[in-house]
């Protein structure tokens, strides 16, 4: 059964071009959306186990903005890094990618991408502004679903330790992917939930190999944005979710105070899938942040 894409019509009106560049020893696949002569370019970094498609709903509502959206190394169409997929590896890759493709672009990171983006900016990636969507603002084990995080740690550990065929099958298991998708989705709209599940079914298992996936997972649960916040001196927008099961709103307010210059936008009635469930609201907040006089995109 074909699942309707609720943002397809808007995306169809936006020019997009797939490109490649080799940086940090990795042939990186990336997509450029919007006009080449746009006043603003955003470098968008997706989350764990995702790829560039996940951020397209936000792109659909951004208007005349140029968005450069790569697949992270080891995910989607980008092969793994030659070294380890730890925070140093990802931050160094992002810095090199930005310098080659989108120098001085506004940097946006979603979820795991918020950890990578904030680390890179704190370490010297040049960006006039930073936008973090569903930022990981506290240790994963301290979140509202710390027990599930512990189960996830065991799941990825088992996937990496079992004989390769069994481990790979476990990590790509469609039932587990669906359970994860159901747990994250908060919308009651049946069509939107079907779209979210279809996105996860289609893209959640497009990782290079189980070793890369395990290294990236360990990185995702071993770090959070707090580590970099105090060293980021560019204006920063945190777009948080009222019902986020990974970082509660109280922790997002604490995170905001760690930045020298940050504002916090909390979107109601949504969880860790702002990019799928409320992309219009996220894009509106981004537009106001980048061009306050431009008003709302709605």
Protein backbone atom coordinates (compact mmCIF):
# COMPACT_ATOMS: atom_id res chain seq x y z
CA UNK A 1 0.00 0.00 0.00
CA UNK A 2 1.29 3.43 -0.96
CA UNK A 3 1.47 5.84 1.98
CA UNK A 4 0.60 9.47 1.23
CA UNK A 5 3.40 11.98 1.80
CA UNK A 6 1.73 14.98 3.50
CA UNK A 7 4.45 17.39 2.40
CA UNK A 8 5.01 16.10 -1.14
CA UNK A 9 3.24 18.95 -2.92
CA UNK A 10 5.33 21.61 -1.18
CA UNK A 11 8.56 19.69 -1.76
CA UNK A 12 7.77 19.25 -5.45
CA UNK A 13 7.91 23.03 -5.90
CA UNK A 14 11.44 23.27 -4.45
CA UNK A 15 14.41 22.59 -6.74
CA UNK A 16 16.72 19.86 -5.46
CA UNK A 17 20.05 18.56 -6.71
CA UNK A 18 22.01 15.51 -5.49
CA UNK A 19 25.78 16.00 -5.31
CA UNK A 20 28.89 14.35 -3.89
CA UNK A 21 32.14 15.58 -2.36
CA UNK A 22 35.00 13.71 -0.73
CA UNK A 23 35.91 15.09 2.68
CA UNK A 24 37.61 13.49 5.71
CA UNK A 25 38.35 10.48 3.52
CA UNK A 26 34.66 9.82 2.83
CA UNK A 27 32.65 10.28 -0.36
CA UNK A 28 29.79 12.28 1.09
CA UNK A 29 26.41 12.37 -0.64
CA UNK A 30 24.41 15.56 -0.12
CA UNK A 31 21.34 17.33 -1.47
CA UNK A 32 20.90 21.03 -2.18
CA UNK A 33 17.37 22.43 -1.90
CA UNK A 34 16.16 25.84 -2.96
CA UNK A 35 17.61 28.65 -5.06
CA UNK A 36 21.38 28.83 -5.48
CA UNK A 37 21.28 32.62 -5.02
CA UNK A 38 19.29 32.51 -1.76
CA UNK A 39 20.25 35.05 0.87
CA UNK A 40 20.58 32.33 3.52
CA UNK A 41 22.11 28.84 3.38
CA UNK A 42 21.39 26.27 6.09
CA UNK A 43 23.59 23.22 6.57
CA UNK A 44 21.20 20.60 7.98
CA UNK A 45 22.45 17.57 9.95
CA UNK A 46 19.99 14.69 10.48
CA UNK A 47 19.60 12.40 13.48
CA UNK A 48 20.71 8.89 14.43
CA UNK A 49 19.75 6.14 11.97
CA UNK A 50 18.15 8.75 9.75
CA UNK A 51 19.29 10.40 6.55
CA UNK A 52 18.62 13.61 4.65
CA UNK A 53 15.00 12.66 3.84
CA UNK A 54 14.03 13.13 7.49
CA UNK A 55 14.55 16.88 7.39
CA UNK A 56 12.68 17.43 4.11
CA UNK A 57 9.36 18.30 5.82
CA UNK A 58 11.04 21.29 7.49
CA UNK A 59 12.66 22.24 4.18
CA UNK A 60 9.18 22.24 2.64
CA UNK A 61 8.12 25.18 4.84
CA UNK A 62 11.28 27.29 4.82
CA UNK A 63 10.54 29.37 1.74
CA UNK A 64 13.38 31.00 -0.23
CA UNK A 65 16.22 29.43 1.76
CA UNK A 66 19.01 27.26 0.38
CA UNK A 67 19.44 24.05 2.39
CA UNK A 68 22.46 21.76 2.10
CA UNK A 69 21.61 18.38 3.61
CA UNK A 70 24.19 15.55 3.68
CA UNK A 71 23.79 11.94 4.71
CA UNK A 72 25.98 11.41 7.77
CA UNK A 73 28.92 9.04 7.26
CA UNK A 74 27.73 5.48 7.62
CA UNK A 75 24.09 6.29 6.83
CA UNK A 76 22.00 6.62 3.69
CA UNK A 77 24.23 7.04 0.63
CA UNK A 78 27.40 8.11 2.47
CA UNK A 79 29.92 5.34 3.25
CA UNK A 80 31.49 5.00 6.66
CA UNK A 81 34.43 7.08 7.85
CA UNK A 82 37.91 5.56 7.56
CA UNK A 83 38.27 5.97 11.34
CA UNK A 84 35.92 5.59 14.29
CA UNK A 85 32.42 7.06 14.32
CA UNK A 86 32.93 8.93 17.57
CA UNK A 87 32.23 12.58 18.30
CA UNK A 88 35.68 13.66 17.14
CA UNK A 89 35.20 11.82 13.86
CA UNK A 90 31.76 13.26 13.15
CA UNK A 91 32.65 16.82 14.23
CA UNK A 92 35.82 16.79 12.11
CA UNK A 93 33.88 15.45 9.13
CA UNK A 94 31.18 18.13 9.48
CA UNK A 95 33.77 20.90 9.75
CA UNK A 96 35.51 19.67 6.60
CA UNK A 97 32.21 19.26 4.77
CA UNK A 98 31.08 22.78 5.67
CA UNK A 99 34.37 24.27 4.52
CA UNK A 100 34.13 22.47 1.17
CA UNK A 101 30.43 22.89 0.39
CA UNK A 102 28.73 25.46 2.64
CA UNK A 103 31.24 27.82 4.25
CA UNK A 104 29.73 30.19 6.82
CA UNK A 105 26.28 28.61 6.50
CA UNK A 106 23.81 28.59 9.36
CA UNK A 107 24.15 25.15 10.97
CA UNK A 108 21.11 23.10 11.97
CA UNK A 109 21.16 19.77 13.77
CA UNK A 110 18.31 17.45 14.74
CA UNK A 111 18.59 15.04 17.71
CA UNK A 112 21.95 13.24 17.30
CA UNK A 113 22.70 15.90 14.71
CA UNK A 114 22.36 18.48 17.50
CA UNK A 115 25.27 16.82 19.32
CA UNK A 116 27.44 16.73 16.19
CA UNK A 117 26.55 20.27 15.10
CA UNK A 118 27.09 21.85 18.51
CA UNK A 119 30.41 20.03 18.99
CA UNK A 120 31.64 21.17 15.57
CA UNK A 121 30.65 24.82 16.15
CA UNK A 122 32.22 24.79 19.62
CA UNK A 123 35.44 23.47 18.08
CA UNK A 124 35.67 26.17 15.45
CA UNK A 125 33.25 25.47 12.59
CA UNK A 126 32.39 28.95 11.31
CA UNK A 127 28.64 29.61 11.45
CA UNK A 128 26.74 32.86 11.94
CA UNK A 129 23.93 31.06 13.80
CA UNK A 130 23.12 27.63 15.19
CA UNK A 131 19.72 25.90 15.23
CA UNK A 132 19.11 22.74 17.26
CA UNK A 133 15.85 20.81 16.76
CA UNK A 134 14.95 18.29 19.48
CA UNK A 135 18.37 18.97 21.02
CA UNK A 136 19.82 16.26 23.24
CA UNK A 137 20.13 18.43 26.31
CA UNK A 138 20.77 15.82 28.99
CA UNK A 139 22.26 12.31 29.28
CA UNK A 140 19.97 9.80 27.58
CA UNK A 141 19.86 7.62 30.70
CA UNK A 142 18.38 10.51 32.69
CA UNK A 143 15.51 11.12 30.27
CA UNK A 144 11.84 10.24 30.87
CA UNK A 145 12.44 6.81 29.32
CA UNK A 146 15.79 5.92 30.83
CA UNK A 147 14.77 2.26 31.09
CA UNK A 148 14.11 2.11 27.36
CA UNK A 149 17.51 3.69 26.76
CA UNK A 150 19.09 0.87 28.76
CA UNK A 151 17.22 -1.64 26.63
CA UNK A 152 18.49 0.15 23.52
CA UNK A 153 22.05 -0.08 24.82
CA UNK A 154 21.63 -3.85 25.19
CA UNK A 155 19.99 -4.08 21.76
CA UNK A 156 22.88 -2.37 19.97
CA UNK A 157 25.43 -4.27 22.04
CA UNK A 158 23.80 -7.58 21.08
CA UNK A 159 23.62 -6.54 17.44
CA UNK A 160 27.35 -5.91 17.48
CA UNK A 161 28.28 -9.11 19.37
CA UNK A 162 26.07 -11.79 17.82
CA UNK A 163 27.33 -13.71 14.77
CA UNK A 164 27.20 -11.19 11.92
CA UNK A 165 24.12 -12.57 10.08
CA UNK A 166 22.11 -12.73 13.32
CA UNK A 167 23.33 -9.36 14.55
CA UNK A 168 22.56 -7.67 11.25
CA UNK A 169 19.09 -9.23 11.13
CA UNK A 170 18.39 -8.04 14.66
CA UNK A 171 19.45 -4.46 13.91
CA UNK A 172 17.34 -4.34 10.73
CA UNK A 173 14.33 -6.13 12.24
CA UNK A 174 11.19 -4.42 10.93
CA UNK A 175 9.14 -5.19 14.04
CA UNK A 176 11.68 -3.47 16.31
CA UNK A 177 11.84 -0.51 13.93
CA UNK A 178 8.04 -0.25 14.05
CA UNK A 179 7.93 -0.47 17.87
CA UNK A 180 10.48 2.35 18.03
CA UNK A 181 8.45 4.43 15.58
CA UNK A 182 5.21 3.89 17.50
CA UNK A 183 6.92 4.88 20.77
CA UNK A 184 8.23 8.17 19.33
CA UNK A 185 5.14 9.32 17.43
CA UNK A 186 2.71 11.47 19.42
CA UNK A 187 0.26 12.57 16.74
CA UNK A 188 -3.22 11.06 16.71
CA UNK A 189 -3.60 11.74 12.98
CA UNK A 190 -3.74 8.28 11.38
CA UNK A 191 -2.43 9.48 8.02
CA UNK A 192 0.51 11.27 9.59
CA UNK A 193 1.33 8.27 11.78
CA UNK A 194 1.27 6.02 8.70
CA UNK A 195 3.67 8.41 6.97
CA UNK A 196 6.04 8.43 9.97
CA UNK A 197 6.07 4.64 10.17
CA UNK A 198 6.67 4.38 6.42
CA UNK A 199 9.60 6.80 6.66
CA UNK A 200 11.18 4.73 9.42
CA UNK A 201 10.50 1.47 7.58
CA UNK A 202 12.12 2.89 4.44
CA UNK A 203 15.15 4.71 5.82
CA UNK A 204 15.90 3.53 9.38
CA UNK A 205 17.94 0.53 8.27
CA UNK A 206 20.06 2.18 5.59
CA UNK A 207 23.23 2.09 7.66
CA UNK A 208 26.58 0.92 6.30
CA UNK A 209 27.18 -1.97 8.69
CA UNK A 210 26.57 -3.01 12.27
CA UNK A 211 29.97 -1.81 13.54
CA UNK A 212 29.35 1.71 12.25
CA UNK A 213 25.86 1.68 13.74
CA UNK A 214 27.13 0.57 17.14
CA UNK A 215 29.90 3.19 17.19
CA UNK A 216 27.40 5.92 16.27
CA UNK A 217 24.94 4.73 18.90
CA UNK A 218 27.58 4.76 21.63
CA UNK A 219 28.47 8.29 20.58
CA UNK A 220 24.82 9.33 20.70
CA UNK A 221 24.31 8.14 24.29
CA UNK A 222 27.74 9.17 25.58
CA UNK A 223 27.45 12.87 24.75
CA UNK A 224 24.92 15.69 24.80
CA UNK A 225 24.75 19.35 23.81
CA UNK A 226 25.61 20.57 27.32
CA UNK A 227 29.26 19.69 26.71
CA UNK A 228 29.55 22.30 23.97
CA UNK A 229 26.99 24.93 24.99
CA UNK A 230 29.28 27.21 27.00
CA UNK A 231 31.79 27.43 24.14
CA UNK A 232 29.25 28.45 21.49
CA UNK A 233 29.13 32.22 21.12
CA UNK A 234 26.89 32.57 18.07
CA UNK A 235 23.13 33.18 18.46
CA UNK A 236 21.47 29.82 18.98
CA UNK A 237 17.87 28.64 18.64
CA UNK A 238 16.69 25.59 20.55
CA UNK A 239 13.47 24.09 19.18
CA UNK A 240 12.21 21.68 21.83
CA UNK A 241 9.12 19.49 22.18
CA UNK A 242 6.65 19.48 25.02
CA UNK A 243 6.41 15.67 25.03
CA UNK A 244 9.99 14.71 24.17
CA UNK A 245 10.80 11.34 25.77
CA UNK A 246 14.56 11.87 25.44
CA UNK A 247 15.08 15.38 26.83
CA UNK A 248 12.24 16.84 28.94
CA UNK A 249 11.35 20.53 28.69
CA UNK A 250 12.81 21.24 32.15
CA UNK A 251 16.21 20.04 30.90
CA UNK A 252 15.85 22.19 27.77
CA UNK A 253 15.44 25.30 29.95
CA UNK A 254 18.57 24.30 31.84
CA UNK A 255 20.38 23.80 28.53
CA UNK A 256 19.33 27.24 27.31
CA UNK A 257 20.98 28.84 30.35
CA UNK A 258 24.31 27.21 29.48
CA UNK A 259 24.57 29.08 26.18
CA UNK A 260 25.91 32.64 26.15
CA UNK A 261 23.19 33.60 23.64
CA UNK A 262 20.29 31.21 23.11
CA UNK A 263 16.54 31.33 22.83
CA UNK A 264 14.16 28.44 23.39
CA UNK A 265 11.02 27.64 21.40
CA UNK A 266 8.84 24.86 22.85
CA UNK A 267 6.35 23.28 20.44
CA UNK A 268 3.31 21.79 22.21
CA UNK A 269 1.76 18.36 21.73
CA UNK A 270 4.75 16.82 19.98
CA UNK A 271 7.62 14.56 20.99
CA UNK A 272 10.98 13.70 19.45
CA UNK A 273 9.65 13.88 15.88
CA UNK A 274 9.23 17.64 15.40
CA UNK A 275 10.63 17.24 11.88
CA UNK A 276 7.78 14.91 10.91
CA UNK A 277 4.85 16.05 13.05
CA UNK A 278 5.22 19.84 13.30
CA UNK A 279 7.60 20.95 10.53
CA UNK A 280 5.54 24.08 9.82
CA UNK A 281 5.95 25.28 13.40
CA UNK A 282 9.66 24.48 13.34
CA UNK A 283 10.13 26.32 10.04
CA UNK A 284 8.22 29.33 11.41
CA UNK A 285 10.53 29.48 14.43
CA UNK A 286 13.57 29.20 12.17
CA UNK A 287 12.32 31.95 9.88
CA UNK A 288 11.73 34.31 12.81
CA UNK A 289 15.16 33.49 14.20
CA UNK A 290 16.97 34.13 10.91
CA UNK A 291 14.95 37.12 9.74
CA UNK A 292 12.83 38.47 12.60
CA UNK A 293 11.18 41.04 10.36
CA UNK A 294 10.06 38.39 7.87
CA UNK A 295 7.27 37.14 10.12
CA UNK A 296 5.73 33.73 10.19
CA UNK A 297 5.88 31.22 7.29
CA UNK A 298 2.39 29.92 8.00
